[in-house]
Amino acid sequence: MTSNPKSTAKATTKATTKKAIKASGGIVSSARDLVGQMGAVSATLAETLPDAAETVRGTAMDAYHSVESMPKSQQKTVTRASLGIGAAMFVLGAPRLLTFLAFLPAIVLGGLRMSRHAR
């Protein structure tokens, strides 16, 4: 007695289809869980973001007032030192982030000076 190749192929196809349906159900439930977790994280971010923004704003205003209260000679010294260190780091090929951080005090003081002239 020989088995029919067509019926064996149909049985194999049905079994494979059932396995694929079970696997896709698991993927769909995993995707639903992931979407639920993303919703929870976004809700948490939405609650804490205003507080974080207010903290950053307060810190920036404190820094602005401390820089504004510096004597002009000290502001010039800080600006020159920042420009010198930043230029040296740029020429020596330091990483871009460090070079930017070296120039940052000069940028801040330049912005402060420009805002004074705009008033």
C-alpha atoms as a PDB file:
ATOM      1  CA  MET A   1       0.000   0.000   0.000  1.00  0.00           C
ATOM      2  CA  THR A   2       1.500   3.365  -1.085  1.00  0.00           C
ATOM      3  CA  SER A   3       0.521   6.741   0.230  1.00  0.00           C
ATOM      4  CA  ASN A   4      -0.858   9.389  -2.069  1.00  0.00           C
ATOM      5  CA  PRO A   5       1.665  12.283  -2.481  1.00  0.00           C
ATOM      6  CA  LYS A   6      -1.146  14.808  -2.998  1.00  0.00           C
ATOM      7  CA  SER A   7      -2.869  13.962   0.291  1.00  0.00           C
ATOM      8  CA  THR A   8       0.460  14.043   2.132  1.00  0.00           C
ATOM      9  CA  ALA A   9       1.221  17.488   0.673  1.00  0.00           C
ATOM     10  CA  LYS A  10      -2.256  18.743   1.690  1.00  0.00           C
ATOM     11  CA  ALA A  11      -1.788  17.455   5.237  1.00  0.00           C
ATOM     12  CA  THR A  12       1.621  19.078   5.478  1.00  0.00           C
ATOM     13  CA  THR A  13       0.217  22.353   4.128  1.00  0.00           C
ATOM     14  CA  LYS A  14      -2.650  22.302   6.657  1.00  0.00           C
ATOM     15  CA  ALA A  15      -0.270  21.607   9.538  1.00  0.00           C
ATOM     16  CA  THR A  16       2.068  24.393   8.436  1.00  0.00           C
ATOM     17  CA  THR A  17      -0.874  26.795   8.072  1.00  0.00           C
ATOM     18  CA  LYS A  18      -2.086  25.976  11.601  1.00  0.00           C
ATOM     19  CA  LYS A  19       1.413  26.562  13.015  1.00  0.00           C
ATOM     20  CA  ALA A  20       1.665  29.890  11.163  1.00  0.00           C
ATOM     21  CA  ILE A  21      -1.724  31.014  12.516  1.00  0.00           C
ATOM     22  CA  LYS A  22      -0.677  30.123  16.079  1.00  0.00           C
ATOM     23  CA  ALA A  23       2.627  31.940  15.660  1.00  0.00           C
ATOM     24  CA  SER A  24       0.971  35.048  14.210  1.00  0.00           C
ATOM     25  CA  GLY A  25      -1.452  35.102  17.128  1.00  0.00           C
ATOM     26  CA  GLY A  26       1.522  35.228  19.481  1.00  0.00           C
ATOM     27  CA  ILE A  27       3.083  38.054  17.484  1.00  0.00           C
ATOM     28  CA  VAL A  28      -0.172  40.017  17.546  1.00  0.00           C
ATOM     29  CA  SER A  29      -0.533  39.623  21.301  1.00  0.00           C
ATOM     30  CA  SER A  30       3.106  40.667  21.765  1.00  0.00           C
ATOM     31  CA  ALA A  31       2.497  43.716  19.594  1.00  0.00           C
ATOM     32  CA  ARG A  32      -0.580  44.609  21.655  1.00  0.00           C
ATOM     33  CA  ASP A  33       1.443  44.317  24.862  1.00  0.00           C
ATOM     34  CA  LEU A  34       4.165  46.512  23.379  1.00  0.00           C
ATOM     35  CA  VAL A  35       1.642  49.169  22.337  1.00  0.00           C
ATOM     36  CA  GLY A  36       0.155  49.113  25.831  1.00  0.00           C
ATOM     37  CA  GLN A  37       3.587  49.610  27.386  1.00  0.00           C
ATOM     38  CA  MET A  38       4.357  52.451  24.982  1.00  0.00           C
ATOM     39  CA  GLY A  39       1.093  54.129  25.976  1.00  0.00           C
ATOM     40  CA  ALA A  40       2.007  53.887  29.651  1.00  0.00           C
ATOM     41  CA  VAL A  41       5.480  55.330  29.031  1.00  0.00           C
ATOM     42  CA  SER A  42       4.104  58.201  26.959  1.00  0.00           C
ATOM     43  CA  ALA A  43       1.565  59.014  29.680  1.00  0.00           C
ATOM     44  CA  THR A  44       4.363  59.102  32.258  1.00  0.00           C
ATOM     45  CA  LEU A  45       6.438  61.383  30.010  1.00  0.00           C
ATOM     46  CA  ALA A  46       3.489  63.694  29.470  1.00  0.00           C
ATOM     47  CA  GLU A  47       3.091  64.028  33.236  1.00  0.00           C
ATOM     48  CA  THR A  48       6.770  64.690  34.015  1.00  0.00           C
ATOM     49  CA  LEU A  49       7.783  66.795  31.013  1.00  0.00           C
ATOM     50  CA  PRO A  50       6.313  70.103  32.274  1.00  0.00           C
ATOM     51  CA  ASP A  51       8.154  69.693  35.595  1.00  0.00           C
ATOM     52  CA  ALA A  52      11.426  68.974  33.814  1.00  0.00           C
ATOM     53  CA  ALA A  53      10.981  71.974  31.521  1.00  0.00           C
ATOM     54  CA  GLU A  54      10.309  74.244  34.501  1.00  0.00           C
ATOM     55  CA  THR A  55      13.427  72.940  36.274  1.00  0.00           C
ATOM     56  CA  VAL A  56      15.597  73.583  33.213  1.00  0.00           C
ATOM     57  CA  ARG A  57      14.092  77.049  32.812  1.00  0.00           C
ATOM     58  CA  GLY A  58      14.797  77.880  36.462  1.00  0.00           C
ATOM     59  CA  THR A  59      18.395  76.686  36.194  1.00  0.00           C
ATOM     60  CA  ALA A  60      18.942  78.670  32.995  1.00  0.00           C
ATOM     61  CA  MET A  61      17.560  81.827  34.589  1.00  0.00           C
ATOM     62  CA  ASP A  62      19.827  81.370  37.623  1.00  0.00           C
ATOM     63  CA  ALA A  63      22.838  80.992  35.331  1.00  0.00           C
ATOM     64  CA  TYR A  64      21.768  84.067  33.347  1.00  0.00           C
ATOM     65  CA  HIS A  65      21.512  86.202  36.483  1.00  0.00           C
ATOM     66  CA  SER A  66      24.888  85.025  37.795  1.00  0.00           C
ATOM     67  CA  VAL A  67      26.587  85.786  34.463  1.00  0.00           C
ATOM     68  CA  GLU A  68      24.814  89.129  34.201  1.00  0.00           C
ATOM     69  CA  SER A  69      26.032  90.136  37.652  1.00  0.00           C
ATOM     70  CA  MET A  70      29.704  89.406  36.778  1.00  0.00           C
ATOM     71  CA  PRO A  71      31.986  92.410  36.333  1.00  0.00           C
ATOM     72  CA  LYS A  72      32.759  93.238  32.685  1.00  0.00           C
ATOM     73  CA  SER A  73      36.448  92.465  33.134  1.00  0.00           C
ATOM     74  CA  GLN A  74      35.629  88.973  34.364  1.00  0.00           C
ATOM     75  CA  GLN A  75      33.215  88.464  31.444  1.00  0.00           C
ATOM     76  CA  LYS A  76      35.953  89.443  28.988  1.00  0.00           C
ATOM     77  CA  THR A  77      38.439  87.095  30.656  1.00  0.00           C
ATOM     78  CA  VAL A  78      36.001  84.177  30.524  1.00  0.00           C
ATOM     79  CA  THR A  79      35.174  84.919  26.879  1.00  0.00           C
ATOM     80  CA  ARG A  80      38.829  85.099  25.847  1.00  0.00           C
ATOM     81  CA  ALA A  81      39.723  81.931  27.731  1.00  0.00           C
ATOM     82  CA  SER A  82      36.777  80.092  26.199  1.00  0.00           C
ATOM     83  CA  LEU A  83      37.692  81.216  22.691  1.00  0.00           C
ATOM     84  CA  GLY A  84      41.344  80.267  23.213  1.00  0.00           C
ATOM     85  CA  ILE A  85      40.622  76.833  24.619  1.00  0.00           C
ATOM     86  CA  GLY A  86      37.967  76.162  21.975  1.00  0.00           C
ATOM     87  CA  ALA A  87      40.262  77.209  19.137  1.00  0.00           C
ATOM     88  CA  ALA A  88      43.094  75.061  20.483  1.00  0.00           C
ATOM     89  CA  MET A  89      40.797  72.052  20.787  1.00  0.00           C
ATOM     90  CA  PHE A  90      39.519  72.612  17.245  1.00  0.00           C
ATOM     91  CA  VAL A  91      43.024  72.841  15.803  1.00  0.00           C
ATOM     92  CA  LEU A  92      44.205  69.779  17.720  1.00  0.00           C
ATOM     93  CA  GLY A  93      41.251  67.742  16.452  1.00  0.00           C
ATOM     94  CA  ALA A  94      39.364  67.178  19.698  1.00  0.00           C
ATOM     95  CA  PRO A  95      35.894  65.624  19.470  1.00  0.00           C
ATOM     96  CA  ARG A  96      33.220  68.043  18.295  1.00  0.00           C
ATOM     97  CA  LEU A  97      31.174  67.887  21.478  1.00  0.00           C
ATOM     98  CA  LEU A  98      34.150  68.830  23.651  1.00  0.00           C
ATOM     99  CA  THR A  99      35.072  71.641  21.268  1.00  0.00           C
ATOM    100  CA  PHE A 100      31.504  72.956  21.405  1.00  0.00           C
ATOM    101  CA  LEU A 101      31.522  72.797  25.198  1.00  0.00           C
ATOM    102  CA  ALA A 102      34.768  74.782  25.232  1.00  0.00           C
ATOM    103  CA  PHE A 103      33.168  77.491  23.063  1.00  0.00           C
ATOM    104  CA  LEU A 104      29.898  77.496  25.043  1.00  0.00           C
ATOM    105  CA  PRO A 105      30.814  80.177  27.621  1.00  0.00           C
ATOM    106  CA  ALA A 106      31.874  82.537  24.813  1.00  0.00           C
ATOM    107  CA  ILE A 107      28.626  81.840  22.971  1.00  0.00           C
ATOM    108  CA  VAL A 108      26.553  82.521  26.091  1.00  0.00           C
ATOM    109  CA  LEU A 109      28.395  85.729  26.935  1.00  0.00           C
ATOM    110  CA  GLY A 110      28.158  86.880  23.306  1.00  0.00           C
ATOM    111  CA  GLY A 111      24.417  86.275  23.360  1.00  0.00           C
ATOM    112  CA  LEU A 112      24.122  88.194  26.610  1.00  0.00           C
ATOM    113  CA  ARG A 113      26.039  91.087  25.133  1.00  0.00           C
ATOM    114  CA  MET A 114      23.874  91.108  22.005  1.00  0.00           C
ATOM    115  CA  SER A 115      20.703  91.113  24.092  1.00  0.00           C
ATOM    116  CA  ARG A 116      21.965  94.130  26.054  1.00  0.00           C
ATOM    117  CA  HIS A 117      22.533  96.054  22.820  1.00  0.00           C
ATOM    118  CA  ALA A 118      19.049  95.137  21.574  1.00  0.00           C
ATOM    119  CA  ARG A 119      17.397  96.767  24.613  1.00  0.00           C
END
